[in-house]
Amino acid sequence: MIVFTSTPERGLIVLEPKGRLDTAATPKLEAAVNDALASGNSMIIDLGETTYISSMALRALLFAAKNAAAKGNAFAVSAPTANIANVLRMAGFTAILHVHDNLPAAFAAVRQEARSHPPD
């Protein structure tokens, strides 16, 4: 089972999926991402407590990043476990997504990006 926590903080939403991001859990990830995007906030997906990520969930991360960028919002992934970081790297996602070792680094990067690209 996957549990999401969502932490709004001054124009930033942190989604924290816990457990397996498998085919059954990906629709929940997509719904949480869509809600965050609809709010107009920048987003971090913290993978620190995610134990598995499927190809379908990888596609959802790519969707989130592209749609956040299209809306002018920052997007980052933080704290992937060693196994998930390896999957992201092997799939080429580290060249596409902003992946940070920990949540504070992701916060700093997202805030910097938001300052560099203020809303219209």
N, C-alpha and C. Protein backbone atom coordinates (compact mmCIF):
# COMPACT_ATOMS: atom_id res chain seq x y z
N MET A 1 0.85 -1.18 0.00
CA MET A 1 0.00 0.00 0.00
C MET A 1 0.88 1.23 0.00
N ILE A 2 0.42 2.26 -0.68
CA ILE A 2 1.18 3.50 -0.72
C ILE A 2 0.44 4.58 0.04
N VAL A 3 1.18 5.38 0.74
CA VAL A 3 0.64 6.49 1.50
C VAL A 3 1.28 7.76 0.97
N PHE A 4 0.48 8.78 0.73
CA PHE A 4 1.01 10.07 0.29
C PHE A 4 0.79 11.08 1.40
N THR A 5 1.80 11.87 1.65
CA THR A 5 1.60 13.06 2.46
C THR A 5 1.90 14.23 1.55
N SER A 6 1.15 15.26 1.71
CA SER A 6 1.33 16.47 0.90
C SER A 6 1.54 17.63 1.87
N THR A 7 2.65 18.32 1.69
CA THR A 7 3.00 19.41 2.58
C THR A 7 3.05 20.71 1.81
N PRO A 8 2.03 21.56 1.93
CA PRO A 8 2.11 22.86 1.26
C PRO A 8 2.99 23.82 2.06
N GLU A 9 3.87 24.49 1.38
CA GLU A 9 4.74 25.45 2.07
C GLU A 9 5.06 26.60 1.12
N ARG A 10 4.40 27.71 1.32
CA ARG A 10 4.66 28.93 0.56
C ARG A 10 4.86 28.68 -0.93
N GLY A 11 3.82 28.22 -1.60
CA GLY A 11 3.89 28.03 -3.04
C GLY A 11 4.61 26.77 -3.47
N LEU A 12 4.79 25.84 -2.53
CA LEU A 12 5.52 24.61 -2.83
C LEU A 12 4.78 23.44 -2.19
N ILE A 13 4.59 22.38 -2.96
CA ILE A 13 3.96 21.18 -2.43
C ILE A 13 4.97 20.04 -2.48
N VAL A 14 5.10 19.33 -1.37
CA VAL A 14 5.97 18.16 -1.30
C VAL A 14 5.08 16.93 -1.23
N LEU A 15 5.23 16.04 -2.21
CA LEU A 15 4.53 14.77 -2.20
C LEU A 15 5.51 13.71 -1.73
N GLU A 16 5.09 12.92 -0.77
CA GLU A 16 5.99 11.91 -0.19
C GLU A 16 5.35 10.52 -0.31
N PRO A 17 5.52 9.87 -1.45
CA PRO A 17 4.98 8.52 -1.57
C PRO A 17 5.79 7.56 -0.69
N LYS A 18 5.09 6.73 0.04
CA LYS A 18 5.74 5.78 0.95
C LYS A 18 5.35 4.37 0.51
N GLY A 19 6.33 3.54 0.27
CA GLY A 19 6.05 2.17 -0.16
C GLY A 19 6.38 1.98 -1.62
N ARG A 20 5.63 1.11 -2.26
CA ARG A 20 5.89 0.74 -3.65
C ARG A 20 5.09 1.62 -4.61
N LEU A 21 5.79 2.23 -5.55
CA LEU A 21 5.14 2.95 -6.64
C LEU A 21 5.02 1.97 -7.81
N ASP A 22 4.10 1.04 -7.66
CA ASP A 22 3.90 0.03 -8.69
C ASP A 22 2.70 0.42 -9.55
N THR A 23 2.30 -0.49 -10.41
CA THR A 23 1.20 -0.22 -11.33
C THR A 23 -0.09 0.12 -10.58
N ALA A 24 -0.32 -0.52 -9.46
CA ALA A 24 -1.54 -0.24 -8.68
C ALA A 24 -1.49 1.12 -8.01
N ALA A 25 -0.30 1.57 -7.61
CA ALA A 25 -0.17 2.84 -6.88
C ALA A 25 -0.02 4.05 -7.80
N THR A 26 0.39 3.82 -9.04
CA THR A 26 0.66 4.95 -9.94
C THR A 26 -0.56 5.85 -10.16
N PRO A 27 -1.78 5.33 -10.31
CA PRO A 27 -2.92 6.24 -10.45
C PRO A 27 -3.06 7.20 -9.26
N LYS A 28 -2.70 6.74 -8.06
CA LYS A 28 -2.75 7.63 -6.89
C LYS A 28 -1.68 8.72 -7.01
N LEU A 29 -0.50 8.34 -7.50
CA LEU A 29 0.56 9.32 -7.74
C LEU A 29 0.10 10.34 -8.77
N GLU A 30 -0.48 9.86 -9.87
CA GLU A 30 -0.95 10.76 -10.92
C GLU A 30 -2.02 11.72 -10.39
N ALA A 31 -2.94 11.23 -9.57
CA ALA A 31 -3.97 12.09 -9.00
C ALA A 31 -3.36 13.14 -8.08
N ALA A 32 -2.40 12.74 -7.26
CA ALA A 32 -1.75 13.69 -6.35
C ALA A 32 -0.98 14.74 -7.14
N VAL A 33 -0.30 14.31 -8.20
CA VAL A 33 0.44 15.24 -9.07
C VAL A 33 -0.53 16.20 -9.75
N ASN A 34 -1.63 15.68 -10.27
CA ASN A 34 -2.62 16.55 -10.94
C ASN A 34 -3.19 17.59 -9.98
N ASP A 35 -3.48 17.18 -8.75
CA ASP A 35 -3.98 18.13 -7.75
C ASP A 35 -2.94 19.20 -7.46
N ALA A 36 -1.68 18.79 -7.33
CA ALA A 36 -0.62 19.75 -7.05
C ALA A 36 -0.44 20.71 -8.22
N LEU A 37 -0.47 20.19 -9.45
CA LEU A 37 -0.34 21.05 -10.62
C LEU A 37 -1.51 22.03 -10.73
N ALA A 38 -2.71 21.55 -10.40
CA ALA A 38 -3.90 22.42 -10.47
C ALA A 38 -3.82 23.56 -9.47
N SER A 39 -3.09 23.35 -8.39
CA SER A 39 -2.97 24.39 -7.36
C SER A 39 -2.05 25.53 -7.81
N GLY A 40 -1.29 25.28 -8.88
CA GLY A 40 -0.38 26.31 -9.37
C GLY A 40 0.92 26.41 -8.60
N ASN A 41 1.20 25.43 -7.76
CA ASN A 41 2.41 25.45 -6.94
C ASN A 41 3.54 24.67 -7.59
N SER A 42 4.76 25.01 -7.19
CA SER A 42 5.91 24.19 -7.54
C SER A 42 5.83 22.91 -6.71
N MET A 43 6.59 21.87 -7.13
CA MET A 43 6.42 20.57 -6.51
C MET A 43 7.74 19.84 -6.34
N ILE A 44 7.84 19.13 -5.23
CA ILE A 44 8.93 18.19 -4.99
C ILE A 44 8.29 16.84 -4.71
N ILE A 45 8.81 15.80 -5.34
CA ILE A 45 8.40 14.44 -4.99
C ILE A 45 9.57 13.82 -4.25
N ASP A 46 9.35 13.58 -2.97
CA ASP A 46 10.38 13.04 -2.08
C ASP A 46 10.27 11.51 -2.09
N LEU A 47 11.28 10.86 -2.64
CA LEU A 47 11.26 9.40 -2.78
C LEU A 47 12.02 8.70 -1.66
N GLY A 48 12.27 9.38 -0.57
CA GLY A 48 13.05 8.82 0.52
C GLY A 48 12.46 7.57 1.15
N GLU A 49 11.14 7.42 1.10
CA GLU A 49 10.49 6.24 1.68
C GLU A 49 9.78 5.40 0.64
N THR A 50 10.21 5.56 -0.61
CA THR A 50 9.67 4.77 -1.70
C THR A 50 10.59 3.58 -1.90
N THR A 51 10.03 2.40 -1.90
CA THR A 51 10.85 1.19 -1.95
C THR A 51 10.97 0.58 -3.34
N TYR A 52 10.09 0.97 -4.26
CA TYR A 52 10.08 0.41 -5.61
C TYR A 52 9.43 1.42 -6.53
N ILE A 53 9.91 1.50 -7.78
CA ILE A 53 9.27 2.39 -8.76
C ILE A 53 9.13 1.66 -10.08
N SER A 54 7.92 1.61 -10.60
CA SER A 54 7.64 0.93 -11.86
C SER A 54 7.87 1.87 -13.03
N SER A 55 7.89 1.31 -14.23
CA SER A 55 8.03 2.14 -15.43
C SER A 55 6.84 3.08 -15.58
N MET A 56 5.69 2.64 -15.16
CA MET A 56 4.49 3.49 -15.21
C MET A 56 4.64 4.70 -14.27
N ALA A 57 5.22 4.48 -13.11
CA ALA A 57 5.45 5.58 -12.17
C ALA A 57 6.54 6.51 -12.70
N LEU A 58 7.55 5.97 -13.38
CA LEU A 58 8.57 6.81 -14.02
C LEU A 58 7.92 7.74 -15.03
N ARG A 59 6.98 7.18 -15.81
CA ARG A 59 6.26 8.01 -16.79
C ARG A 59 5.48 9.11 -16.08
N ALA A 60 4.91 8.81 -14.93
CA ALA A 60 4.17 9.82 -14.16
C ALA A 60 5.10 10.94 -13.69
N LEU A 61 6.33 10.59 -13.29
CA LEU A 61 7.31 11.62 -12.90
C LEU A 61 7.65 12.52 -14.09
N LEU A 62 7.84 11.90 -15.25
CA LEU A 62 8.14 12.68 -16.45
C LEU A 62 6.98 13.61 -16.79
N PHE A 63 5.76 13.11 -16.71
CA PHE A 63 4.56 13.91 -16.94
C PHE A 63 4.53 15.10 -15.97
N ALA A 64 4.80 14.83 -14.71
CA ALA A 64 4.78 15.89 -13.69
C ALA A 64 5.79 16.97 -14.01
N ALA A 65 7.00 16.57 -14.36
CA ALA A 65 8.04 17.55 -14.67
C ALA A 65 7.69 18.39 -15.89
N LYS A 66 7.21 17.75 -16.93
CA LYS A 66 6.86 18.48 -18.16
C LYS A 66 5.69 19.43 -17.94
N ASN A 67 4.69 18.97 -17.21
CA ASN A 67 3.52 19.82 -16.98
C ASN A 67 3.81 20.96 -16.00
N ALA A 68 4.64 20.70 -15.02
CA ALA A 68 5.04 21.79 -14.12
C ALA A 68 5.79 22.86 -14.90
N ALA A 69 6.71 22.44 -15.76
CA ALA A 69 7.47 23.39 -16.57
C ALA A 69 6.55 24.18 -17.50
N ALA A 70 5.58 23.51 -18.08
CA ALA A 70 4.64 24.18 -18.99
C ALA A 70 3.83 25.26 -18.27
N LYS A 71 3.61 25.06 -16.98
CA LYS A 71 2.86 26.04 -16.18
C LYS A 71 3.78 27.06 -15.52
N GLY A 72 5.09 26.94 -15.76
CA GLY A 72 6.05 27.88 -15.18
C GLY A 72 6.39 27.57 -13.73
N ASN A 73 6.15 26.34 -13.30
CA ASN A 73 6.44 25.95 -11.92
C ASN A 73 7.66 25.04 -11.87
N ALA A 74 8.38 25.12 -10.78
CA ALA A 74 9.55 24.28 -10.59
C ALA A 74 9.12 22.88 -10.17
N PHE A 75 9.96 21.90 -10.48
CA PHE A 75 9.70 20.51 -10.13
C PHE A 75 11.03 19.84 -9.81
N ALA A 76 11.05 19.03 -8.76
CA ALA A 76 12.26 18.28 -8.42
C ALA A 76 11.88 16.97 -7.75
N VAL A 77 12.83 16.06 -7.79
CA VAL A 77 12.73 14.78 -7.08
C VAL A 77 13.81 14.80 -6.02
N SER A 78 13.47 14.32 -4.83
CA SER A 78 14.48 14.32 -3.76
C SER A 78 14.62 12.96 -3.11
N ALA A 79 15.79 12.73 -2.56
CA ALA A 79 16.12 11.62 -1.66
C ALA A 79 15.80 10.23 -2.17
N PRO A 80 16.05 9.94 -3.45
CA PRO A 80 15.77 8.56 -3.87
C PRO A 80 16.71 7.60 -3.14
N THR A 81 16.19 6.43 -2.79
CA THR A 81 17.05 5.41 -2.20
C THR A 81 18.08 4.99 -3.25
N ALA A 82 19.08 4.26 -2.82
CA ALA A 82 20.13 3.83 -3.75
C ALA A 82 19.56 3.04 -4.93
N ASN A 83 18.63 2.15 -4.66
CA ASN A 83 18.04 1.34 -5.74
C ASN A 83 17.24 2.20 -6.70
N ILE A 84 16.46 3.11 -6.17
CA ILE A 84 15.65 3.96 -7.04
C ILE A 84 16.53 4.95 -7.79
N ALA A 85 17.56 5.48 -7.15
CA ALA A 85 18.50 6.37 -7.84
C ALA A 85 19.15 5.63 -9.00
N ASN A 86 19.46 4.36 -8.80
CA ASN A 86 20.05 3.55 -9.87
C ASN A 86 19.07 3.39 -11.03
N VAL A 87 17.81 3.13 -10.73
CA VAL A 87 16.78 3.01 -11.77
C VAL A 87 16.65 4.33 -12.53
N LEU A 88 16.59 5.45 -11.80
CA LEU A 88 16.48 6.76 -12.45
C LEU A 88 17.67 7.00 -13.38
N ARG A 89 18.86 6.65 -12.91
CA ARG A 89 20.06 6.85 -13.71
C ARG A 89 20.06 5.95 -14.95
N MET A 90 19.76 4.66 -14.76
CA MET A 90 19.76 3.71 -15.88
C MET A 90 18.69 4.05 -16.92
N ALA A 91 17.58 4.60 -16.50
CA ALA A 91 16.50 4.98 -17.41
C ALA A 91 16.76 6.33 -18.08
N GLY A 92 17.83 7.01 -17.68
CA GLY A 92 18.15 8.31 -18.26
C GLY A 92 17.40 9.47 -17.65
N PHE A 93 16.70 9.22 -16.55
CA PHE A 93 15.87 10.27 -15.95
C PHE A 93 16.69 11.32 -15.20
N THR A 94 17.91 10.99 -14.82
CA THR A 94 18.72 11.99 -14.13
C THR A 94 19.17 13.09 -15.09
N ALA A 95 19.09 12.82 -16.38
CA ALA A 95 19.40 13.85 -17.38
C ALA A 95 18.17 14.71 -17.69
N ILE A 96 17.00 14.23 -17.29
CA ILE A 96 15.74 14.93 -17.61
C ILE A 96 15.18 15.64 -16.39
N LEU A 97 15.20 14.96 -15.24
CA LEU A 97 14.62 15.49 -14.01
C LEU A 97 15.68 16.11 -13.13
N HIS A 98 15.28 17.04 -12.30
CA HIS A 98 16.16 17.59 -11.28
C HIS A 98 16.07 16.66 -10.07
N VAL A 99 17.11 15.85 -9.87
CA VAL A 99 17.13 14.87 -8.79
C VAL A 99 18.15 15.33 -7.75
N HIS A 100 17.72 15.41 -6.50
CA HIS A 100 18.58 15.89 -5.41
C HIS A 100 18.72 14.81 -4.35
N ASP A 101 19.88 14.80 -3.70
CA ASP A 101 20.18 13.77 -2.70
C ASP A 101 19.29 13.82 -1.48
N ASN A 102 18.78 15.01 -1.16
CA ASN A 102 17.97 15.15 0.05
C ASN A 102 16.94 16.26 -0.13
N LEU A 103 15.99 16.30 0.77
CA LEU A 103 14.90 17.27 0.69
C LEU A 103 15.38 18.72 0.83
N PRO A 104 16.29 19.04 1.76
CA PRO A 104 16.76 20.43 1.85
C PRO A 104 17.41 20.92 0.54
N ALA A 105 18.17 20.05 -0.12
CA ALA A 105 18.78 20.45 -1.40
C ALA A 105 17.71 20.69 -2.46
N ALA A 106 16.68 19.87 -2.47
CA ALA A 106 15.58 20.06 -3.41
C ALA A 106 14.83 21.36 -3.12
N PHE A 107 14.57 21.63 -1.83
CA PHE A 107 13.92 22.90 -1.45
C PHE A 107 14.72 24.09 -1.97
N ALA A 108 16.02 24.07 -1.73
CA ALA A 108 16.87 25.18 -2.14
C ALA A 108 16.83 25.36 -3.66
N ALA A 109 16.91 24.26 -4.40
CA ALA A 109 16.91 24.35 -5.87
C ALA A 109 15.57 24.85 -6.40
N VAL A 110 14.48 24.34 -5.84
CA VAL A 110 13.15 24.76 -6.30
C VAL A 110 12.92 26.23 -5.98
N ARG A 111 13.30 26.65 -4.80
CA ARG A 111 13.13 28.07 -4.43
C ARG A 111 13.98 28.96 -5.33
N GLN A 112 15.20 28.53 -5.65
CA GLN A 112 16.07 29.31 -6.54
C GLN A 112 15.46 29.40 -7.92
N GLU A 113 14.93 28.30 -8.43
CA GLU A 113 14.29 28.31 -9.74
C GLU A 113 13.07 29.22 -9.74
N ALA A 114 12.30 29.18 -8.66
CA ALA A 114 11.12 30.05 -8.57
C ALA A 114 11.51 31.53 -8.56
N ARG A 115 12.62 31.85 -7.89
CA ARG A 115 13.09 33.24 -7.89
C ARG A 115 13.59 33.66 -9.26
N SER A 116 14.17 32.70 -10.00
CA SER A 116 14.70 33.00 -11.33
C SER A 116 13.59 33.17 -12.36
N HIS A 117 12.43 32.56 -12.10
CA HIS A 117 11.31 32.62 -13.03
C HIS A 117 10.04 33.02 -12.28
N PRO A 118 9.94 34.29 -11.87
CA PRO A 118 8.74 34.69 -11.13
C PRO A 118 7.49 34.58 -11.99
N PRO A 119 6.32 34.34 -11.36
CA PRO A 119 5.08 34.23 -12.13
C PRO A 119 4.75 35.55 -12.82
N ASP A 120 4.00 35.42 -13.92
CA ASP A 120 3.61 36.62 -14.69
C ASP A 120 2.63 37.46 -13.93
